[in-house]
Protein backbone atom coordinates (compact mmCIF):
# COMPACT_ATOMS: atom_id res chain seq x y z
CA GLU A 1 -0.19 1.55 -26.95
CA THR A 2 1.24 1.35 -23.41
CA ARG A 3 -1.75 3.20 -21.98
CA ALA A 4 -4.18 0.82 -23.69
CA LYS A 5 -2.30 -2.20 -22.35
CA ILE A 6 -2.39 -0.81 -18.78
CA MET A 7 -6.11 -0.10 -19.09
CA THR A 8 -6.80 -3.63 -20.34
CA THR A 9 -4.72 -5.26 -17.61
CA ARG A 10 -6.24 -3.00 -14.94
CA ALA A 11 -9.76 -3.99 -16.02
CA ARG A 12 -8.83 -7.69 -15.98
CA LEU A 13 -7.20 -7.36 -12.54
CA SER A 14 -10.18 -5.47 -11.11
CA ALA A 15 -12.70 -8.00 -12.42
CA ALA A 16 -10.67 -10.91 -11.06
CA LEU A 17 -10.35 -9.27 -7.64
CA VAL A 18 -14.11 -8.68 -7.49
CA GLY A 19 -14.58 -12.34 -8.40
CA LEU A 20 -12.38 -13.24 -5.41
CA GLY A 21 -14.57 -11.21 -3.04
CA PHE A 22 -12.62 -7.94 -2.92
CA GLU A 23 -14.21 -4.51 -3.08
CA VAL A 24 -12.34 -2.62 -5.78
CA THR A 25 -12.46 1.15 -5.98
CA PRO A 26 -12.85 2.30 -9.59
CA SER A 27 -9.47 3.50 -10.89
CA LEU A 28 -8.11 5.51 -13.78
CA ALA A 29 -4.54 5.11 -12.52
CA ASN A 30 -1.87 2.47 -12.99
CA PHE A 31 -2.97 0.74 -9.80
CA VAL A 32 -6.10 -0.54 -8.07
CA TRP A 33 -7.17 -0.18 -4.44
CA CYS A 34 -9.00 -3.14 -2.99
CA ARG A 35 -10.15 -4.36 0.39
CA ARG A 36 -12.25 -7.09 1.97
CA THR A 37 -15.04 -6.34 4.39
CA ASN A 38 -14.97 -9.84 5.89
CA GLN A 39 -11.20 -10.30 6.28
CA PRO A 40 -8.29 -8.03 7.21
CA VAL A 41 -5.85 -7.77 4.34
CA LYS A 42 -2.63 -7.32 6.31
CA PRO A 43 -2.11 -11.12 6.60
CA ILE A 44 -2.69 -11.39 2.83
CA TYR A 45 -0.12 -8.65 2.26
CA GLU A 46 2.39 -10.39 4.54
CA GLU A 47 1.97 -13.73 2.77
CA LEU A 48 2.25 -12.15 -0.67
CA LYS A 49 5.46 -10.47 0.51
CA GLN A 50 6.82 -13.86 1.64
CA ARG A 51 6.07 -15.15 -1.86
CA LYS A 52 7.93 -12.16 -3.34
CA ILE A 53 4.78 -10.62 -4.75
CA LEU A 54 5.01 -6.98 -3.79
CA VAL A 55 1.89 -4.93 -3.20
CA ARG A 56 1.39 -2.03 -0.82
CA TYR A 57 -0.58 -2.40 2.42
CA MET A 58 -2.45 0.73 3.50
CA ASN A 59 -4.73 1.50 6.42
CA TYR A 60 -6.89 4.62 6.58
CA ALA A 61 -8.67 5.74 9.74
CA GLY A 62 -12.40 5.38 9.33
CA TYR A 63 -12.04 3.39 6.12
CA GLY A 64 -10.02 0.36 7.03
CA ASP A 65 -7.18 -1.49 5.45
CA GLY A 66 -6.60 -2.37 1.84
CA LEU A 67 -4.10 -3.25 -0.82
CA ARG A 68 -2.74 -0.94 -3.48
CA ILE A 69 -1.82 -3.17 -6.38
CA SER A 70 0.17 -1.70 -9.25
CA VAL A 71 -0.73 -2.82 -12.74
CA GLY A 72 2.36 -4.74 -13.76
CA THR A 73 3.03 -7.03 -16.65
CA ASP A 74 0.46 -9.64 -17.60
CA ALA A 75 2.80 -12.33 -16.23
CA GLU A 76 3.03 -10.53 -12.86
CA ILE A 77 -0.74 -10.12 -12.64
CA ASP A 78 -1.26 -13.75 -13.65
CA ARG A 79 1.04 -14.88 -10.84
CA LEU A 80 -0.74 -12.69 -8.28
CA LEU A 81 -4.11 -14.08 -9.37
CA ARG A 82 -2.82 -17.67 -9.17
CA GLU A 83 -1.45 -17.22 -5.63
CA LEU A 84 -4.20 -15.07 -4.14
CA PRO A 85 -7.09 -17.58 -3.84
CA ALA A 86 -5.12 -19.77 -1.42
CA LEU A 87 -4.75 -16.81 0.95
CA LEU A 88 -8.43 -16.00 1.29
CA THR A 89 -10.75 -17.25 4.02
């Protein structure tokens, strides 16, 4: 039951991120990796942190920066998806 819930929330999160202009790497884990080709994500990470929404910022040589977003509760994902659009250029 828990696995199914994570999979459902992960799919919803991934689709919403794509709709916001993120590239989302397909995932079978309890997190998604996303990035934007037209905007660095470190400022997004910093602003989310200020808003007490914790995601992980990562930067890989030759690949660029991105966000690792854990699949949390539906309420946590809803809050992230409400706050995120205001941070995008």
